[in-house]
Amino acid sequence: MYNNLFSIGKFTIHSYGLMIALGGLCAYFVSDYRAKKRGLDADRMFSIVIRALFGGFAGAKILYYVTILDQIIRDPSLLLDISNGFVVYGGILGGILASFLYCRRTGTSFITYADLLMPEVALAQAFGRIGCLLAGCCYGLPTDSPLSITFQHSDIAPNGVALIPTQPISSALDFLNFLALLFLARRAKKPGTVTACYLIFYSLGRFVLEFFRGDLIRGSVGVLSTSQLIALFVFAGGCILLLASGKRTSAAPSDSAGA
């Protein structure tokens, strides 16, 4: 696997960035199609997506800085590197916060658009994990299992060592999450159900998969990784939202016409 696919002069195409861009485009086109099917404002949806992207980028970077805070204290120049190092949970939380603030300022129903966009978030994450595989980040622990992956040209993962294929597994879980949320979106009657299920499904999968990750840069809190600790709170938040959604009456257009 190669992190740098090819270069044109001083411009380099990175495999991770390419997959992030591809995932973002696919997610946008799917959400645009579904917004129109549901009779929602596609322009408003686009505005929310843009703010979620910026908020997600900022959140992912900030949480990454938190995980390497001890290194930053020793070398503050690390703050100047904005091209490398991101934490997915920071991106999720940052994107949700930015979207919520925009919806509150414009009087838009946040939960309606959150339910619309959460399946596409899972879709974008699935492509992102393929980017992780190509780049070699987020790699797994060494293993003797025949179900392994061995990097030969990675700048990040250890080369020549059989590793648990955490990136393909994570990508498959994200694709499965995407399909499951689309299924729920066609049948859920209460606002917030799809968003809650996204939080529950993703946090469960991430919590378990973290046990098989081998990249220690994620940081830890006691016996749990930073992501596992966050997963506990995200899971609890999803459960609370799911219970609360059961008490609401949906006023949003039905998604039964298409997903």
C-alpha atoms as a PDB file:
ATOM      1  CA  MET A   1       0.000   0.000   0.000  1.00  0.00           C
ATOM      2  CA  TYR A   2       1.203   3.472  -0.825  1.00  0.00           C
ATOM      3  CA  ASN A   3       0.363   6.714   0.957  1.00  0.00           C
ATOM      4  CA  ASN A   4       1.455   8.820  -2.036  1.00  0.00           C
ATOM      5  CA  LEU A   5      -0.194   7.657  -5.259  1.00  0.00           C
ATOM      6  CA  PHE A   6       1.553   9.979  -7.732  1.00  0.00           C
ATOM      7  CA  SER A   7       2.927  13.492  -8.070  1.00  0.00           C
ATOM      8  CA  ILE A   8       2.596  16.208 -10.673  1.00  0.00           C
ATOM      9  CA  GLY A   9       5.418  18.620 -10.031  1.00  0.00           C
ATOM     10  CA  LYS A  10       5.164  19.611  -6.387  1.00  0.00           C
ATOM     11  CA  PHE A  11       1.531  18.483  -6.169  1.00  0.00           C
ATOM     12  CA  THR A  12       1.102  15.009  -4.663  1.00  0.00           C
ATOM     13  CA  ILE A  13      -2.061  12.911  -4.661  1.00  0.00           C
ATOM     14  CA  HIS A  14      -2.326  11.113  -1.315  1.00  0.00           C
ATOM     15  CA  SER A  15      -4.367   7.913  -1.172  1.00  0.00           C
ATOM     16  CA  TYR A  16      -6.021   8.854   2.121  1.00  0.00           C
ATOM     17  CA  GLY A  17      -7.046  12.288   0.919  1.00  0.00           C
ATOM     18  CA  LEU A  18      -8.346  10.847  -2.346  1.00  0.00           C
ATOM     19  CA  MET A  19     -10.578   8.347  -0.560  1.00  0.00           C
ATOM     20  CA  ILE A  20     -11.841  11.025   1.831  1.00  0.00           C
ATOM     21  CA  ALA A  21     -12.769  13.190  -1.159  1.00  0.00           C
ATOM     22  CA  LEU A  22     -14.422  10.274  -2.955  1.00  0.00           C
ATOM     23  CA  GLY A  23     -16.362   9.323   0.166  1.00  0.00           C
ATOM     24  CA  GLY A  24     -17.472  12.917   0.671  1.00  0.00           C
ATOM     25  CA  LEU A  25     -18.717  13.204  -2.905  1.00  0.00           C
ATOM     26  CA  CYS A  26     -20.619   9.914  -2.748  1.00  0.00           C
ATOM     27  CA  ALA A  27     -22.147  10.912   0.578  1.00  0.00           C
ATOM     28  CA  TYR A  28     -23.222  14.287  -0.784  1.00  0.00           C
ATOM     29  CA  PHE A  29     -24.879  12.890  -3.913  1.00  0.00           C
ATOM     30  CA  VAL A  30     -26.746  10.256  -1.905  1.00  0.00           C
ATOM     31  CA  SER A  31     -27.919  12.825   0.643  1.00  0.00           C
ATOM     32  CA  ASP A  32     -28.953  15.250  -2.107  1.00  0.00           C
ATOM     33  CA  TYR A  33     -31.026  12.521  -3.764  1.00  0.00           C
ATOM     34  CA  ARG A  34     -32.659  11.531  -0.490  1.00  0.00           C
ATOM     35  CA  ALA A  35     -33.342  15.135   0.514  1.00  0.00           C
ATOM     36  CA  LYS A  36     -35.256  15.716  -2.705  1.00  0.00           C
ATOM     37  CA  LYS A  37     -37.149  12.452  -2.261  1.00  0.00           C
ATOM     38  CA  ARG A  38     -38.226  13.522   1.212  1.00  0.00           C
ATOM     39  CA  GLY A  39     -39.192  17.005   0.132  1.00  0.00           C
ATOM     40  CA  LEU A  40     -36.457  18.641   2.193  1.00  0.00           C
ATOM     41  CA  ASP A  41     -34.565  21.772   1.184  1.00  0.00           C
ATOM     42  CA  ALA A  42     -31.485  20.551  -0.708  1.00  0.00           C
ATOM     43  CA  ASP A  43     -29.834  23.992  -0.467  1.00  0.00           C
ATOM     44  CA  ARG A  44     -30.294  24.016   3.293  1.00  0.00           C
ATOM     45  CA  MET A  45     -28.893  20.508   3.424  1.00  0.00           C
ATOM     46  CA  PHE A  46     -25.843  21.657   1.443  1.00  0.00           C
ATOM     47  CA  SER A  47     -25.271  24.521   3.893  1.00  0.00           C
ATOM     48  CA  ILE A  48     -25.411  22.086   6.793  1.00  0.00           C
ATOM     49  CA  VAL A  49     -22.964  19.720   5.075  1.00  0.00           C
ATOM     50  CA  ILE A  50     -20.435  22.496   4.446  1.00  0.00           C
ATOM     51  CA  ARG A  51     -20.518  23.552   8.084  1.00  0.00           C
ATOM     52  CA  ALA A  52     -20.320  19.947   9.219  1.00  0.00           C
ATOM     53  CA  LEU A  53     -17.203  19.438   7.093  1.00  0.00           C
ATOM     54  CA  PHE A  54     -15.417  22.438   8.557  1.00  0.00           C
ATOM     55  CA  GLY A  55     -16.564  21.571  12.072  1.00  0.00           C
ATOM     56  CA  GLY A  56     -15.555  17.961  11.552  1.00  0.00           C
ATOM     57  CA  PHE A  57     -12.089  18.917  10.327  1.00  0.00           C
ATOM     58  CA  ALA A  58     -11.555  21.215  13.297  1.00  0.00           C
ATOM     59  CA  GLY A  59     -12.908  18.665  15.789  1.00  0.00           C
ATOM     60  CA  ALA A  60     -10.802  15.826  14.400  1.00  0.00           C
ATOM     61  CA  LYS A  61      -7.671  17.953  14.577  1.00  0.00           C
ATOM     62  CA  ILE A  62      -8.354  19.315  18.061  1.00  0.00           C
ATOM     63  CA  LEU A  63      -8.976  15.859  19.517  1.00  0.00           C
ATOM     64  CA  TYR A  64      -5.782  14.622  17.861  1.00  0.00           C
ATOM     65  CA  TYR A  65      -3.887  17.433  19.569  1.00  0.00           C
ATOM     66  CA  VAL A  66      -5.404  16.310  22.870  1.00  0.00           C
ATOM     67  CA  THR A  67      -4.039  12.786  22.354  1.00  0.00           C
ATOM     68  CA  ILE A  68      -0.497  14.122  21.783  1.00  0.00           C
ATOM     69  CA  LEU A  69      -0.657  16.930  24.316  1.00  0.00           C
ATOM     70  CA  ASP A  70       2.509  15.753  26.054  1.00  0.00           C
ATOM     71  CA  GLN A  71       4.401  15.939  22.745  1.00  0.00           C
ATOM     72  CA  ILE A  72       3.005  19.397  21.998  1.00  0.00           C
ATOM     73  CA  ILE A  73       4.188  20.650  25.392  1.00  0.00           C
ATOM     74  CA  ARG A  74       7.687  19.499  24.483  1.00  0.00           C
ATOM     75  CA  ASP A  75       7.481  20.746  20.892  1.00  0.00           C
ATOM     76  CA  PRO A  76       4.770  23.413  20.243  1.00  0.00           C
ATOM     77  CA  SER A  77       5.693  23.482  16.550  1.00  0.00           C
ATOM     78  CA  LEU A  78       3.560  20.338  16.158  1.00  0.00           C
ATOM     79  CA  LEU A  79       0.539  22.661  16.231  1.00  0.00           C
ATOM     80  CA  LEU A  80       1.619  24.017  12.856  1.00  0.00           C
ATOM     81  CA  ASP A  81       1.154  20.642  11.130  1.00  0.00           C
ATOM     82  CA  ILE A  82      -2.477  20.617  10.029  1.00  0.00           C
ATOM     83  CA  SER A  83      -2.104  18.042   7.258  1.00  0.00           C
ATOM     84  CA  ASN A  84      -1.497  14.948   9.380  1.00  0.00           C
ATOM     85  CA  GLY A  85      -3.175  13.489  12.442  1.00  0.00           C
ATOM     86  CA  PHE A  86      -6.939  13.313  12.880  1.00  0.00           C
ATOM     87  CA  VAL A  87      -9.273  11.513  15.298  1.00  0.00           C
ATOM     88  CA  VAL A  88     -12.568  10.317  13.835  1.00  0.00           C
ATOM     89  CA  TYR A  89     -14.580  10.901  17.001  1.00  0.00           C
ATOM     90  CA  GLY A  90     -13.447  14.505  17.059  1.00  0.00           C
ATOM     91  CA  GLY A  91     -14.692  14.840  13.497  1.00  0.00           C
ATOM     92  CA  ILE A  92     -18.075  13.356  14.363  1.00  0.00           C
ATOM     93  CA  LEU A  93     -18.571  15.541  17.427  1.00  0.00           C
ATOM     94  CA  GLY A  94     -17.245  18.656  15.693  1.00  0.00           C
ATOM     95  CA  GLY A  95     -19.485  18.110  12.678  1.00  0.00           C
ATOM     96  CA  ILE A  96     -22.561  17.556  14.851  1.00  0.00           C
ATOM     97  CA  LEU A  97     -21.836  20.667  16.928  1.00  0.00           C
ATOM     98  CA  ALA A  98     -21.280  22.890  13.881  1.00  0.00           C
ATOM     99  CA  SER A  99     -24.477  21.600  12.267  1.00  0.00           C
ATOM    100  CA  PHE A 100     -26.483  22.077  15.459  1.00  0.00           C
ATOM    101  CA  LEU A 101     -25.307  25.678  15.888  1.00  0.00           C
ATOM    102  CA  TYR A 102     -26.173  26.479  12.269  1.00  0.00           C
ATOM    103  CA  CYS A 103     -29.630  24.918  12.558  1.00  0.00           C
ATOM    104  CA  ARG A 104     -30.310  26.746  15.803  1.00  0.00           C
ATOM    105  CA  ARG A 105     -29.262  30.078  14.289  1.00  0.00           C
ATOM    106  CA  THR A 106     -31.428  29.591  11.191  1.00  0.00           C
ATOM    107  CA  GLY A 107     -34.431  28.027  12.905  1.00  0.00           C
ATOM    108  CA  THR A 108     -33.912  24.722  11.073  1.00  0.00           C
ATOM    109  CA  SER A 109     -34.961  21.381  12.538  1.00  0.00           C
ATOM    110  CA  PHE A 110     -31.595  19.899  13.429  1.00  0.00           C
ATOM    111  CA  ILE A 111     -32.869  16.399  14.097  1.00  0.00           C
ATOM    112  CA  THR A 112     -34.672  16.213  10.748  1.00  0.00           C
ATOM    113  CA  TYR A 113     -31.487  16.874   8.795  1.00  0.00           C
ATOM    114  CA  ALA A 114     -29.385  14.795  11.181  1.00  0.00           C
ATOM    115  CA  ASP A 115     -31.606  11.792  10.457  1.00  0.00           C
ATOM    116  CA  LEU A 116     -31.174  12.500   6.756  1.00  0.00           C
ATOM    117  CA  LEU A 117     -27.390  12.799   6.855  1.00  0.00           C
ATOM    118  CA  MET A 118     -26.280  10.136   9.329  1.00  0.00           C
ATOM    119  CA  PRO A 119     -26.408   7.238   6.834  1.00  0.00           C
ATOM    120  CA  GLU A 120     -24.203   9.288   4.506  1.00  0.00           C
ATOM    121  CA  VAL A 121     -21.775   9.983   7.350  1.00  0.00           C
ATOM    122  CA  ALA A 122     -21.338   6.218   7.722  1.00  0.00           C
ATOM    123  CA  LEU A 123     -20.842   5.931   3.948  1.00  0.00           C
ATOM    124  CA  ALA A 124     -18.119   8.606   3.956  1.00  0.00           C
ATOM    125  CA  GLN A 125     -16.425   6.866   6.882  1.00  0.00           C
ATOM    126  CA  ALA A 126     -16.388   3.584   4.956  1.00  0.00           C
ATOM    127  CA  PHE A 127     -14.427   5.209   2.133  1.00  0.00           C
ATOM    128  CA  GLY A 128     -12.193   6.925   4.673  1.00  0.00           C
ATOM    129  CA  ARG A 129     -11.212   3.593   6.182  1.00  0.00           C
ATOM    130  CA  ILE A 130     -10.180   2.373   2.733  1.00  0.00           C
ATOM    131  CA  GLY A 131      -7.948   5.432   2.706  1.00  0.00           C
ATOM    132  CA  CYS A 132      -6.538   4.286   6.057  1.00  0.00           C
ATOM    133  CA  LEU A 133      -5.745   0.926   4.490  1.00  0.00           C
ATOM    134  CA  LEU A 134      -3.937   2.541   1.562  1.00  0.00           C
ATOM    135  CA  ALA A 135      -2.009   4.895   3.826  1.00  0.00           C
ATOM    136  CA  GLY A 136      -1.238   2.263   6.458  1.00  0.00           C
ATOM    137  CA  CYS A 137      -2.642   4.158   9.433  1.00  0.00           C
ATOM    138  CA  CYS A 138      -5.047   2.693  12.016  1.00  0.00           C
ATOM    139  CA  TYR A 139      -3.341  -0.684  11.618  1.00  0.00           C
ATOM    140  CA  GLY A 140      -3.986  -3.759  13.724  1.00  0.00           C
ATOM    141  CA  LEU A 141      -2.017  -5.861  16.161  1.00  0.00           C
ATOM    142  CA  PRO A 142       0.413  -8.554  14.927  1.00  0.00           C
ATOM    143  CA  THR A 143      -1.319 -11.876  14.317  1.00  0.00           C
ATOM    144  CA  ASP A 144      -0.625 -15.466  13.257  1.00  0.00           C
ATOM    145  CA  SER A 145      -4.059 -15.767  11.676  1.00  0.00           C
ATOM    146  CA  PRO A 146      -4.278 -16.392   7.923  1.00  0.00           C
ATOM    147  CA  LEU A 147      -6.814 -13.551   7.887  1.00  0.00           C
ATOM    148  CA  SER A 148      -4.164 -10.873   8.039  1.00  0.00           C
ATOM    149  CA  ILE A 149      -2.593  -8.107   6.014  1.00  0.00           C
ATOM    150  CA  THR A 150       1.118  -7.434   5.539  1.00  0.00           C
ATOM    151  CA  PHE A 151       2.358  -4.019   4.482  1.00  0.00           C
ATOM    152  CA  GLN A 152       5.487  -3.753   2.366  1.00  0.00           C
ATOM    153  CA  HIS A 153       5.742  -0.060   1.484  1.00  0.00           C
ATOM    154  CA  SER A 154       3.940   1.755   4.285  1.00  0.00           C
ATOM    155  CA  ASP A 155       5.310   4.924   5.858  1.00  0.00           C
ATOM    156  CA  ILE A 156       3.135   4.361   8.938  1.00  0.00           C
ATOM    157  CA  ALA A 157       2.357   0.684   9.566  1.00  0.00           C
ATOM    158  CA  PRO A 158       5.170  -1.787  10.350  1.00  0.00           C
ATOM    159  CA  ASN A 159       6.271  -3.454   7.121  1.00  0.00           C
ATOM    160  CA  GLY A 160       6.761  -7.185   6.729  1.00  0.00           C
ATOM    161  CA  VAL A 161       4.576  -8.030   9.742  1.00  0.00           C
ATOM    162  CA  ALA A 162       1.238  -9.858   9.517  1.00  0.00           C
ATOM    163  CA  LEU A 163      -1.380  -7.615  11.110  1.00  0.00           C
ATOM    164  CA  ILE A 164      -5.069  -7.889  11.980  1.00  0.00           C
ATOM    165  CA  PRO A 165      -6.859  -6.181   9.049  1.00  0.00           C
ATOM    166  CA  THR A 166      -8.582  -3.545  11.179  1.00  0.00           C
ATOM    167  CA  GLN A 167      -9.018  -1.068   8.321  1.00  0.00           C
ATOM    168  CA  PRO A 168     -10.979  -3.400   5.987  1.00  0.00           C
ATOM    169  CA  ILE A 169     -13.037  -4.623   8.957  1.00  0.00           C
ATOM    170  CA  SER A 170     -13.813  -1.055   9.984  1.00  0.00           C
ATOM    171  CA  SER A 171     -14.732  -0.137   6.413  1.00  0.00           C
ATOM    172  CA  ALA A 172     -17.053  -3.146   6.138  1.00  0.00           C
ATOM    173  CA  LEU A 173     -18.734  -2.204   9.426  1.00  0.00           C
ATOM    174  CA  ASP A 174     -19.252   1.351   8.167  1.00  0.00           C
ATOM    175  CA  PHE A 175     -20.804   0.124   4.905  1.00  0.00           C
ATOM    176  CA  LEU A 176     -23.038  -2.178   6.943  1.00  0.00           C
ATOM    177  CA  ASN A 177     -23.968   0.746   9.196  1.00  0.00           C
ATOM    178  CA  PHE A 178     -24.855   2.787   6.114  1.00  0.00           C
ATOM    179  CA  LEU A 179     -27.177   0.077   4.789  1.00  0.00           C
ATOM    180  CA  ALA A 180     -28.759  -0.540   8.192  1.00  0.00           C
ATOM    181  CA  LEU A 181     -29.469   3.168   8.663  1.00  0.00           C
ATOM    182  CA  LEU A 182     -31.032   3.415   5.208  1.00  0.00           C
ATOM    183  CA  PHE A 183     -33.275   0.503   6.149  1.00  0.00           C
ATOM    184  CA  LEU A 184     -34.263   2.231   9.390  1.00  0.00           C
ATOM    185  CA  ALA A 185     -34.806   5.552   7.621  1.00  0.00           C
ATOM    186  CA  ARG A 186     -37.505   3.978   5.459  1.00  0.00           C
ATOM    187  CA  ARG A 187     -39.374   2.657   8.493  1.00  0.00           C
ATOM    188  CA  ALA A 188     -38.622   4.890  11.472  1.00  0.00           C
ATOM    189  CA  LYS A 189     -41.616   6.992  12.505  1.00  0.00           C
ATOM    190  CA  LYS A 190     -39.991   9.043  15.254  1.00  0.00           C
ATOM    191  CA  PRO A 191     -37.460  11.844  14.632  1.00  0.00           C
ATOM    192  CA  GLY A 192     -34.063  11.107  16.092  1.00  0.00           C
ATOM    193  CA  THR A 193     -34.235   7.341  15.646  1.00  0.00           C
ATOM    194  CA  VAL A 194     -31.761   7.184  12.768  1.00  0.00           C
ATOM    195  CA  THR A 195     -29.327   9.563  14.454  1.00  0.00           C
ATOM    196  CA  ALA A 196     -29.520   7.597  17.701  1.00  0.00           C
ATOM    197  CA  CYS A 197     -28.924   4.293  15.927  1.00  0.00           C
ATOM    198  CA  TYR A 198     -25.914   5.724  14.097  1.00  0.00           C
ATOM    199  CA  LEU A 199     -24.355   6.714  17.423  1.00  0.00           C
ATOM    200  CA  ILE A 200     -25.129   3.319  18.958  1.00  0.00           C
ATOM    201  CA  PHE A 201     -23.985   1.201  16.013  1.00  0.00           C
ATOM    202  CA  TYR A 202     -20.779   3.129  15.381  1.00  0.00           C
ATOM    203  CA  SER A 203     -19.720   3.343  19.018  1.00  0.00           C
ATOM    204  CA  LEU A 204     -20.299  -0.386  19.567  1.00  0.00           C
ATOM    205  CA  GLY A 205     -18.267  -1.392  16.538  1.00  0.00           C
ATOM    206  CA  ARG A 206     -15.505   1.074  17.331  1.00  0.00           C
ATOM    207  CA  PHE A 207     -15.275   0.024  20.989  1.00  0.00           C
ATOM    208  CA  VAL A 208     -14.764  -3.637  20.085  1.00  0.00           C
ATOM    209  CA  LEU A 209     -12.414  -2.994  17.180  1.00  0.00           C
ATOM    210  CA  GLU A 210     -10.161  -0.824  19.345  1.00  0.00           C
ATOM    211  CA  PHE A 211      -9.036  -3.961  21.193  1.00  0.00           C
ATOM    212  CA  PHE A 212      -7.395  -5.136  17.958  1.00  0.00           C
ATOM    213  CA  ARG A 213      -5.699  -1.869  16.982  1.00  0.00           C
ATOM    214  CA  GLY A 214      -1.911  -1.719  17.170  1.00  0.00           C
ATOM    215  CA  ASP A 215      -1.211   1.994  16.642  1.00  0.00           C
ATOM    216  CA  LEU A 216      -0.507   3.365  20.101  1.00  0.00           C
ATOM    217  CA  ILE A 217      -0.646   7.021  18.985  1.00  0.00           C
ATOM    218  CA  ARG A 218      -4.404   6.967  19.728  1.00  0.00           C
ATOM    219  CA  GLY A 219      -3.703   7.641  23.385  1.00  0.00           C
ATOM    220  CA  SER A 220      -5.201   5.893  26.399  1.00  0.00           C
ATOM    221  CA  VAL A 221      -7.100   6.524  29.605  1.00  0.00           C
ATOM    222  CA  GLY A 222      -6.358   3.702  32.022  1.00  0.00           C
ATOM    223  CA  VAL A 223      -7.021   0.364  30.324  1.00  0.00           C
ATOM    224  CA  LEU A 224      -9.150   1.965  27.601  1.00  0.00           C
ATOM    225  CA  SER A 225      -8.011   3.821  24.530  1.00  0.00           C
ATOM    226  CA  THR A 226      -9.164   7.416  24.146  1.00  0.00           C
ATOM    227  CA  SER A 227     -11.612   6.299  21.452  1.00  0.00           C
ATOM    228  CA  GLN A 228     -13.059   3.580  23.684  1.00  0.00           C
ATOM    229  CA  LEU A 229     -13.694   6.065  26.457  1.00  0.00           C
ATOM    230  CA  ILE A 230     -15.423   8.417  24.040  1.00  0.00           C
ATOM    231  CA  ALA A 231     -17.372   5.463  22.625  1.00  0.00           C
ATOM    232  CA  LEU A 232     -18.920   4.831  26.039  1.00  0.00           C
ATOM    233  CA  PHE A 233     -20.281   8.378  26.179  1.00  0.00           C
ATOM    234  CA  VAL A 234     -21.417   8.293  22.539  1.00  0.00           C
ATOM    235  CA  PHE A 235     -23.207   4.995  23.125  1.00  0.00           C
ATOM    236  CA  ALA A 236     -24.927   6.399  26.212  1.00  0.00           C
ATOM    237  CA  GLY A 237     -25.914   9.520  24.270  1.00  0.00           C
ATOM    238  CA  GLY A 238     -27.343   7.382  21.479  1.00  0.00           C
ATOM    239  CA  CYS A 239     -29.386   5.319  23.934  1.00  0.00           C
ATOM    240  CA  ILE A 240     -30.761   8.462  25.595  1.00  0.00           C
ATOM    241  CA  LEU A 241     -31.674   9.946  22.216  1.00  0.00           C
ATOM    242  CA  LEU A 242     -33.343   6.687  21.157  1.00  0.00           C
ATOM    243  CA  LEU A 243     -35.478   6.658  24.308  1.00  0.00           C
ATOM    244  CA  ALA A 244     -36.334  10.333  23.843  1.00  0.00           C
ATOM    245  CA  SER A 245     -37.240   9.827  20.184  1.00  0.00           C
ATOM    246  CA  GLY A 246     -39.820   7.256  21.211  1.00  0.00           C
ATOM    247  CA  LYS A 247     -41.742  10.019  22.972  1.00  0.00           C
ATOM    248  CA  ARG A 248     -41.797  12.381  20.005  1.00  0.00           C
ATOM    249  CA  THR A 249     -44.283  12.714  17.199  1.00  0.00           C
ATOM    250  CA  SER A 250     -42.698  13.107  13.806  1.00  0.00           C
ATOM    251  CA  ALA A 251     -43.588  16.209  11.826  1.00  0.00           C
ATOM    252  CA  ALA A 252     -40.971  15.593   9.180  1.00  0.00           C
ATOM    253  CA  PRO A 253     -41.718  14.237   5.689  1.00  0.00           C
ATOM    254  CA  SER A 254     -41.656  10.463   5.457  1.00  0.00           C
ATOM    255  CA  ASP A 255     -38.624   8.754   3.908  1.00  0.00           C
ATOM    256  CA  SER A 256     -40.721   5.888   2.598  1.00  0.00           C
ATOM    257  CA  ALA A 257     -40.581   7.267  -0.947  1.00  0.00           C
ATOM    258  CA  GLY A 258     -36.910   6.430  -1.194  1.00  0.00           C
ATOM    259  CA  ALA A 259     -33.679   6.055   0.708  1.00  0.00           C
END
